[in-house]
Amino acid sequence: MPEKVPDDVRGQLKWAKERIDSQLQKLNRISSDVDRREKALFERVVSLSKSGDPLRAEKYSEELSQVRKLRDTVRALSATLDAVSLKLEGAIGLGDAVAAISGARAIVANLSRQVKGMNPEIDRSIAEISDVLTSTQQMFSEIYIPTSPDSESILEEAEAVAEVRRRQAAGLGLEAQPQRRRPS
């Protein structure tokens, strides 16, 4: 039975990153297998060419061509998933920073109430700290992380699949499948 997707955003990001990293490990194993197969086929083509058997060499070279196409596909998929994993890692880190700033703002606000009127210099200093933390938190909310059109397409597809899986896990079935967003 598939693991339940967490309800909180950070948990969902970590869950998605763990799944992507798991797929990357599988792709790395597949890539190693494909590389070994490619080398073996190439050596077989060379050997058959040396021994004067061009018909069999041709057959193996056709298979080698297909293996190389598979190798390129696996590498491209791996590179794309790696990029998505890095973006998720950045989003998780950014979320941690925003959470830390939010917590610090709450502490500073509480401190401000406790020391209010004791000393004008302390009041001013705490107000400045509060302003800086508020400004920083707002800057974080305005950060835009650009993505390539391919990455956007993959993320949209992943969002659609995740939505279907959430509906299945909730027992809603597939009747109401999500619509894919149109690029703007």
Protein backbone atom coordinates (compact mmCIF):
# COMPACT_ATOMS: atom_id res chain seq x y z
CA MET A 1 0.00 0.00 0.00
CA PRO A 2 1.45 3.41 -0.94
CA GLU A 3 2.62 5.67 1.85
CA LYS A 4 0.20 8.46 2.77
CA VAL A 5 1.20 11.90 1.53
CA PRO A 6 1.61 14.32 4.46
CA ASP A 7 -0.91 17.14 4.83
CA ASP A 8 1.59 19.92 5.52
CA VAL A 9 3.47 21.64 2.70
CA ARG A 10 6.93 20.90 4.06
CA GLY A 11 6.02 17.25 4.52
CA GLN A 12 4.69 17.08 0.96
CA LEU A 13 7.86 18.65 -0.43
CA LYS A 14 10.05 16.23 1.52
CA TRP A 15 7.84 13.29 0.47
CA ALA A 16 8.11 14.28 -3.20
CA LYS A 17 11.88 14.79 -2.94
CA GLU A 18 12.34 11.38 -1.31
CA ARG A 19 10.34 9.73 -4.10
CA ILE A 20 12.32 11.56 -6.78
CA ASP A 21 15.62 10.66 -5.11
CA SER A 22 14.50 7.02 -4.96
CA GLN A 23 13.72 7.11 -8.69
CA LEU A 24 17.12 8.70 -9.32
CA GLN A 25 18.80 5.77 -7.55
CA LYS A 26 16.85 3.33 -9.73
CA LEU A 27 17.80 5.29 -12.84
CA ASN A 28 21.46 5.22 -11.81
CA ARG A 29 21.30 1.42 -11.53
CA ILE A 30 19.57 1.20 -14.91
CA SER A 31 22.16 3.56 -16.38
CA SER A 32 24.98 1.35 -15.11
CA ASP A 33 23.34 -1.72 -16.61
CA VAL A 34 22.80 0.06 -19.93
CA ASP A 35 26.43 1.27 -19.96
CA ARG A 36 27.67 -2.30 -19.40
CA ARG A 37 25.38 -3.59 -22.15
CA GLU A 38 26.55 -0.82 -24.51
CA LYS A 39 30.23 -1.65 -23.93
CA ALA A 40 29.63 -5.37 -24.39
CA LEU A 41 27.72 -4.82 -27.63
CA PHE A 42 30.36 -2.45 -28.97
CA GLU A 43 33.10 -4.97 -28.22
CA ARG A 44 31.02 -7.66 -29.95
CA VAL A 45 30.62 -5.44 -33.05
CA VAL A 46 34.38 -4.79 -33.10
CA SER A 47 35.14 -8.49 -32.69
CA LEU A 48 32.74 -9.53 -35.44
CA SER A 49 34.10 -6.82 -37.75
CA LYS A 50 37.65 -8.03 -37.13
CA SER A 51 36.70 -11.64 -37.77
CA GLY A 52 35.04 -10.78 -41.09
CA ASP A 53 31.38 -11.36 -40.20
CA PRO A 54 29.72 -8.13 -41.38
CA LEU A 55 26.13 -9.50 -41.27
CA ARG A 56 26.28 -10.37 -37.58
CA ALA A 57 28.22 -7.16 -36.88
CA GLU A 58 25.37 -5.24 -38.55
CA LYS A 59 22.77 -6.96 -36.37
CA TYR A 60 24.70 -6.16 -33.20
CA SER A 61 25.27 -2.58 -34.33
CA GLU A 62 21.50 -2.13 -34.75
CA GLU A 63 20.96 -3.39 -31.21
CA LEU A 64 23.78 -1.11 -30.02
CA SER A 65 22.02 1.83 -31.65
CA GLN A 66 18.84 1.07 -29.66
CA VAL A 67 20.81 0.67 -26.45
CA ARG A 68 22.45 4.07 -27.02
CA LYS A 69 19.03 5.66 -27.54
CA LEU A 70 17.89 4.11 -24.27
CA ARG A 71 21.07 5.38 -22.55
CA ASP A 72 20.40 8.92 -23.77
CA THR A 73 16.77 8.75 -22.62
CA VAL A 74 17.75 7.47 -19.17
CA ARG A 75 20.39 10.20 -18.82
CA ALA A 76 17.96 12.94 -19.89
CA LEU A 77 15.31 11.68 -17.47
CA SER A 78 17.88 11.46 -14.70
CA ALA A 79 19.08 15.02 -15.36
CA THR A 80 15.51 16.34 -15.32
CA LEU A 81 14.61 14.53 -12.10
CA ASP A 82 17.86 15.73 -10.53
CA ALA A 83 16.93 19.33 -11.40
CA VAL A 84 13.48 18.86 -9.85
CA SER A 85 15.07 17.34 -6.73
CA LEU A 86 17.36 20.35 -6.39
CA LYS A 87 14.43 22.74 -6.75
CA LEU A 88 12.49 20.86 -4.08
CA GLU A 89 15.53 20.94 -1.80
CA GLY A 90 15.71 24.70 -2.28
CA ALA A 91 11.99 25.06 -1.58
CA ILE A 92 12.34 23.02 1.62
CA GLY A 93 15.26 25.17 2.74
CA LEU A 94 13.39 28.34 1.86
CA GLY A 95 10.38 27.11 3.82
CA ASP A 96 12.61 26.42 6.83
CA ALA A 97 14.01 29.95 6.62
CA VAL A 98 10.54 31.48 6.39
CA ALA A 99 9.38 29.41 9.37
CA ALA A 100 12.42 30.51 11.40
CA ILE A 101 11.80 34.16 10.56
CA SER A 102 8.14 33.82 11.44
CA GLY A 103 9.07 32.31 14.81
CA ALA A 104 11.62 35.06 15.43
CA ARG A 105 9.01 37.72 14.60
CA ALA A 106 6.62 36.22 17.14
CA ILE A 107 9.31 36.23 19.83
CA VAL A 108 10.29 39.83 19.03
CA ALA A 109 6.63 40.93 19.13
CA ASN A 110 6.19 39.28 22.52
CA LEU A 111 9.43 40.86 23.76
CA SER A 112 8.30 44.24 22.49
CA ARG A 113 5.09 44.03 24.54
CA GLN A 114 7.03 43.02 27.65
CA VAL A 115 9.60 45.85 27.54
CA LYS A 116 7.39 48.57 26.05
CA GLY A 117 7.96 51.91 27.77
CA MET A 118 10.93 50.75 29.83
CA ASN A 119 13.50 52.47 27.67
CA PRO A 120 12.94 54.44 24.44
CA GLU A 121 16.20 53.18 22.94
CA ILE A 122 15.26 49.55 23.54
CA ASP A 123 11.77 50.22 22.13
CA ARG A 124 13.32 51.72 18.98
CA SER A 125 15.80 48.88 18.60
CA ILE A 126 13.15 46.18 18.96
CA ALA A 127 10.89 48.03 16.51
CA GLU A 128 13.76 48.12 13.97
CA ILE A 129 14.40 44.40 14.45
CA SER A 130 10.70 43.71 13.96
CA ASP A 131 10.63 45.83 10.79
CA VAL A 132 13.67 44.03 9.36
CA LEU A 133 12.19 40.59 10.09
CA THR A 134 8.84 41.63 8.56
CA SER A 135 10.59 42.99 5.47
CA THR A 136 12.70 39.84 5.13
CA GLN A 137 9.65 37.61 5.41
CA GLN A 138 7.90 39.65 2.72
CA MET A 139 10.96 39.34 0.45
CA PHE A 140 10.85 35.56 0.85
CA SER A 141 7.22 35.52 -0.24
CA GLU A 142 8.14 37.43 -3.41
CA ILE A 143 10.96 35.12 -4.49
CA TYR A 144 10.35 33.62 -7.91
CA ILE A 145 12.40 30.59 -8.87
CA PRO A 146 12.44 30.42 -12.68
CA THR A 147 11.97 27.08 -14.37
CA SER A 148 12.43 25.89 -17.91
CA PRO A 149 9.36 25.06 -20.04
CA ASP A 150 10.26 21.37 -19.82
CA SER A 151 10.48 21.54 -16.03
CA GLU A 152 7.16 23.40 -15.87
CA SER A 153 5.54 20.71 -18.00
CA ILE A 154 6.96 17.95 -15.81
CA LEU A 155 5.85 19.72 -12.65
CA GLU A 156 2.34 20.21 -14.02
CA GLU A 157 2.15 16.55 -15.00
CA ALA A 158 3.44 15.53 -11.56
CA GLU A 159 0.85 17.79 -9.89
CA ALA A 160 -1.92 16.16 -11.94
CA VAL A 161 -0.72 12.65 -11.05
CA ALA A 162 -0.36 13.62 -7.37
CA GLU A 163 -3.92 14.99 -7.38
CA VAL A 164 -5.26 11.75 -8.89
CA ARG A 165 -3.37 9.72 -6.28
CA ARG A 166 -4.66 11.93 -3.45
CA ARG A 167 -8.21 11.43 -4.74
CA GLN A 168 -7.67 7.67 -4.98
CA ALA A 169 -6.23 7.58 -1.45
CA ALA A 170 -9.24 9.56 -0.21
CA GLY A 171 -11.59 7.14 -1.94
CA LEU A 172 -12.88 9.70 -4.42
CA GLY A 173 -11.90 7.63 -7.44
CA LEU A 174 -10.95 8.93 -10.85
CA GLU A 175 -14.26 10.49 -11.87
CA ALA A 176 -13.09 14.03 -11.20
CA GLN A 177 -9.64 14.10 -12.75
CA PRO A 178 -7.79 17.39 -12.47
CA GLN A 179 -7.40 19.61 -15.49
CA ARG A 180 -3.84 20.39 -16.58
CA ARG A 181 -2.97 24.05 -16.31
CA ARG A 182 -2.27 25.86 -19.49
CA PRO A 183 1.09 27.64 -19.65
CA SER A 184 0.71 31.39 -19.30
